[in-house]
């Protein structure tokens, strides 16, 4: 038999669409959320690690939304409520493309030690990481978290857009 030379789907295309990127990031966020269901014996260091993952995932999703829509997005931190939100250029809550829900994340689940947002300072954005339409932060900054006797300080690198732990 002769092999078919007909191609189907995207086999002949190069790269991924913006929708593909958003769906992939949303799927990764869901997998992290399912794999990281907090237990009642979770200690402060583990809670801080989980909070860091939540912040990194929020920055990644805001970056994907900025690049896919061509409009600035950001991650706003609320020290009073110990939570973060992904926002659009108007400061409104963005929608998670995977769930369709508002992109609002509590850093402290109900059970176990509480994660406190001590400080969030990001240049002119104040307590908000603002990403341009290419997903690049307008300014670097710092984020400090505390859980019981453990602390975590993260720095946002303006050049790479990545959060790095400060020692």
Protein backbone atom coordinates (compact mmCIF):
# COMPACT_ATOMS: atom_id res chain seq x y z
CA UNK A 1 0.00 0.00 0.00
CA UNK A 2 1.07 3.48 -0.72
CA UNK A 3 1.59 5.76 2.32
CA UNK A 4 -0.65 8.78 2.48
CA UNK A 5 1.02 12.10 1.78
CA UNK A 6 -1.87 14.11 3.16
CA UNK A 7 -1.17 15.99 6.37
CA UNK A 8 -3.79 16.85 8.91
CA UNK A 9 -3.98 19.35 11.71
CA UNK A 10 -1.04 21.60 12.50
CA UNK A 11 1.77 19.32 11.35
CA UNK A 12 2.87 21.79 8.69
CA UNK A 13 2.70 24.86 10.92
CA UNK A 14 5.55 26.28 12.97
CA UNK A 15 5.17 27.61 16.51
CA UNK A 16 2.23 27.83 18.83
CA UNK A 17 -0.73 30.19 18.86
CA UNK A 18 -1.43 32.50 21.78
CA UNK A 19 -4.38 30.32 22.70
CA UNK A 20 -2.08 27.28 22.81
CA UNK A 21 0.24 29.10 25.21
CA UNK A 22 -2.58 30.23 27.50
CA UNK A 23 -4.13 26.76 27.57
CA UNK A 24 -0.76 25.14 28.30
CA UNK A 25 -0.06 27.53 31.18
CA UNK A 26 -3.57 27.04 32.54
CA UNK A 27 -3.15 23.27 32.39
CA UNK A 28 0.18 23.52 34.21
CA UNK A 29 -1.41 25.70 36.90
CA UNK A 30 -4.18 23.15 37.33
CA UNK A 31 -1.69 20.31 37.61
CA UNK A 32 0.29 22.21 40.23
CA UNK A 33 -2.90 22.95 42.16
CA UNK A 34 -4.01 19.30 42.12
CA UNK A 35 -0.57 17.96 43.01
CA UNK A 36 -0.14 20.50 45.78
CA UNK A 37 -3.27 20.03 47.87
CA UNK A 38 -2.15 21.11 51.35
CA UNK A 39 -2.18 18.61 54.16
CA UNK A 40 -2.86 19.32 57.80
CA UNK A 41 0.74 18.49 58.79
CA UNK A 42 2.32 20.93 56.37
CA UNK A 43 5.03 22.99 58.08
CA UNK A 44 5.96 26.66 57.64
CA UNK A 45 8.82 26.00 55.19
CA UNK A 46 6.55 23.91 52.96
CA UNK A 47 3.82 26.57 53.12
CA UNK A 48 6.31 29.25 52.01
CA UNK A 49 7.46 27.02 49.15
CA UNK A 50 3.85 26.58 48.05
CA UNK A 51 3.21 30.34 48.27
CA UNK A 52 6.28 30.96 46.11
CA UNK A 53 4.91 28.54 43.51
CA UNK A 54 1.57 30.37 43.55
CA UNK A 55 3.30 33.72 42.98
CA UNK A 56 5.45 32.32 40.15
CA UNK A 57 2.40 30.77 38.48
CA UNK A 58 0.52 34.07 38.76
CA UNK A 59 3.40 35.96 37.14
CA UNK A 60 3.58 33.34 34.36
CA UNK A 61 -0.16 33.59 33.70
CA UNK A 62 -0.07 37.42 33.72
CA UNK A 63 2.85 37.24 31.26
CA UNK A 64 0.90 34.88 28.98
CA UNK A 65 -2.17 37.12 29.10
CA UNK A 66 -0.07 40.21 28.34
CA UNK A 67 1.60 38.62 25.32
CA UNK A 68 -1.56 36.99 23.99
CA UNK A 69 -3.73 40.11 24.27
CA UNK A 70 -1.02 42.66 23.46
CA UNK A 71 -2.02 44.66 26.55
CA UNK A 72 -0.29 45.16 29.91
CA UNK A 73 -1.31 42.86 32.77
CA UNK A 74 -0.08 42.57 36.31
CA UNK A 75 -0.03 40.71 39.58
CA UNK A 76 -1.43 42.82 42.43
CA UNK A 77 -0.60 41.83 46.01
CA UNK A 78 -3.02 42.56 48.85
CA UNK A 79 -1.08 42.48 52.15
CA UNK A 80 -4.28 43.04 54.15
CA UNK A 81 -6.03 40.00 52.70
CA UNK A 82 -2.87 37.90 52.20
CA UNK A 83 -3.78 37.27 48.58
CA UNK A 84 -2.84 38.16 45.02
CA UNK A 85 -4.79 38.85 41.87
CA UNK A 86 -3.99 38.89 38.18
CA UNK A 87 -5.28 42.14 36.74
CA UNK A 88 -5.74 43.64 33.29
CA UNK A 89 -4.60 47.09 32.15
CA UNK A 90 -7.66 48.74 33.75
CA UNK A 91 -6.91 47.13 37.12
CA UNK A 92 -9.85 44.71 36.85
CA UNK A 93 -9.52 41.07 37.82
CA UNK A 94 -8.46 39.01 34.83
CA UNK A 95 -10.20 35.74 34.06
CA UNK A 96 -8.31 32.45 34.26
CA UNK A 97 -8.61 31.12 30.68
CA UNK A 98 -8.81 27.55 31.92
CA UNK A 99 -11.56 27.91 34.53
CA UNK A 100 -13.22 31.16 33.47
CA UNK A 101 -13.05 32.28 37.12
CA UNK A 102 -11.53 35.49 38.45
CA UNK A 103 -7.76 35.07 38.84
CA UNK A 104 -7.63 35.63 42.61
CA UNK A 105 -5.41 33.47 44.86
CA UNK A 106 -5.33 33.24 48.67
CA UNK A 107 -1.79 32.61 49.93
CA UNK A 108 -3.06 30.89 53.08
CA UNK A 109 -5.45 27.96 52.78
CA UNK A 110 -7.87 27.56 55.70
CA UNK A 111 -5.98 24.77 57.50
CA UNK A 112 -2.44 24.96 58.82
CA UNK A 113 0.00 27.80 59.45
CA UNK A 114 -0.84 31.17 57.93
CA UNK A 115 1.38 32.76 55.25
CA UNK A 116 1.72 36.49 55.84
CA UNK A 117 2.54 38.88 53.03
CA UNK A 118 4.98 41.20 54.82
CA UNK A 119 6.00 43.42 51.91
CA UNK A 120 5.44 43.79 48.17
CA UNK A 121 7.35 46.65 46.51
CA UNK A 122 7.75 46.85 42.73
CA UNK A 123 8.91 50.25 41.51
CA UNK A 124 6.21 52.71 40.47
CA UNK A 125 3.69 49.85 40.54
CA UNK A 126 3.86 49.81 44.34
CA UNK A 127 2.49 46.45 45.42
CA UNK A 128 1.81 45.37 41.82
CA UNK A 129 4.11 43.68 39.31
CA UNK A 130 3.22 45.36 36.00
CA UNK A 131 4.11 43.54 32.77
CA UNK A 132 4.22 45.28 29.39
CA UNK A 133 2.51 43.80 26.28
CA UNK A 134 5.60 41.64 25.68
CA UNK A 135 5.37 40.22 29.22
CA UNK A 136 8.42 42.12 30.52
CA UNK A 137 8.19 43.78 33.96
CA UNK A 138 8.37 47.57 33.97
CA UNK A 139 10.43 47.42 37.19
CA UNK A 140 12.03 44.92 39.52
CA UNK A 141 11.18 44.69 43.18
CA UNK A 142 10.86 42.59 46.33
CA UNK A 143 8.34 40.33 47.95
CA UNK A 144 8.62 39.16 51.56
CA UNK A 145 6.58 36.32 53.01
CA UNK A 146 6.50 34.91 56.55
CA UNK A 147 4.98 31.76 58.01
CA UNK A 148 5.41 31.16 61.75
CA UNK A 149 9.19 31.37 62.36
CA UNK A 150 10.18 30.94 58.68
CA UNK A 151 10.65 33.78 56.18
CA UNK A 152 11.12 34.02 52.44
CA UNK A 153 12.36 37.04 50.51
CA UNK A 154 12.05 37.07 46.72
CA UNK A 155 13.48 39.57 44.24
CA UNK A 156 11.95 40.19 40.82
CA UNK A 157 14.71 40.58 38.25
CA UNK A 158 13.67 43.37 35.89
CA UNK A 159 15.77 41.96 33.01
CA UNK A 160 14.55 38.34 33.15
CA UNK A 161 11.17 38.78 34.82
CA UNK A 162 11.96 35.89 37.16
CA UNK A 163 11.60 35.73 40.93
CA UNK A 164 14.78 34.68 42.69
CA UNK A 165 15.17 33.86 46.36
CA UNK A 166 17.31 36.28 48.33
CA UNK A 167 19.57 34.73 50.94
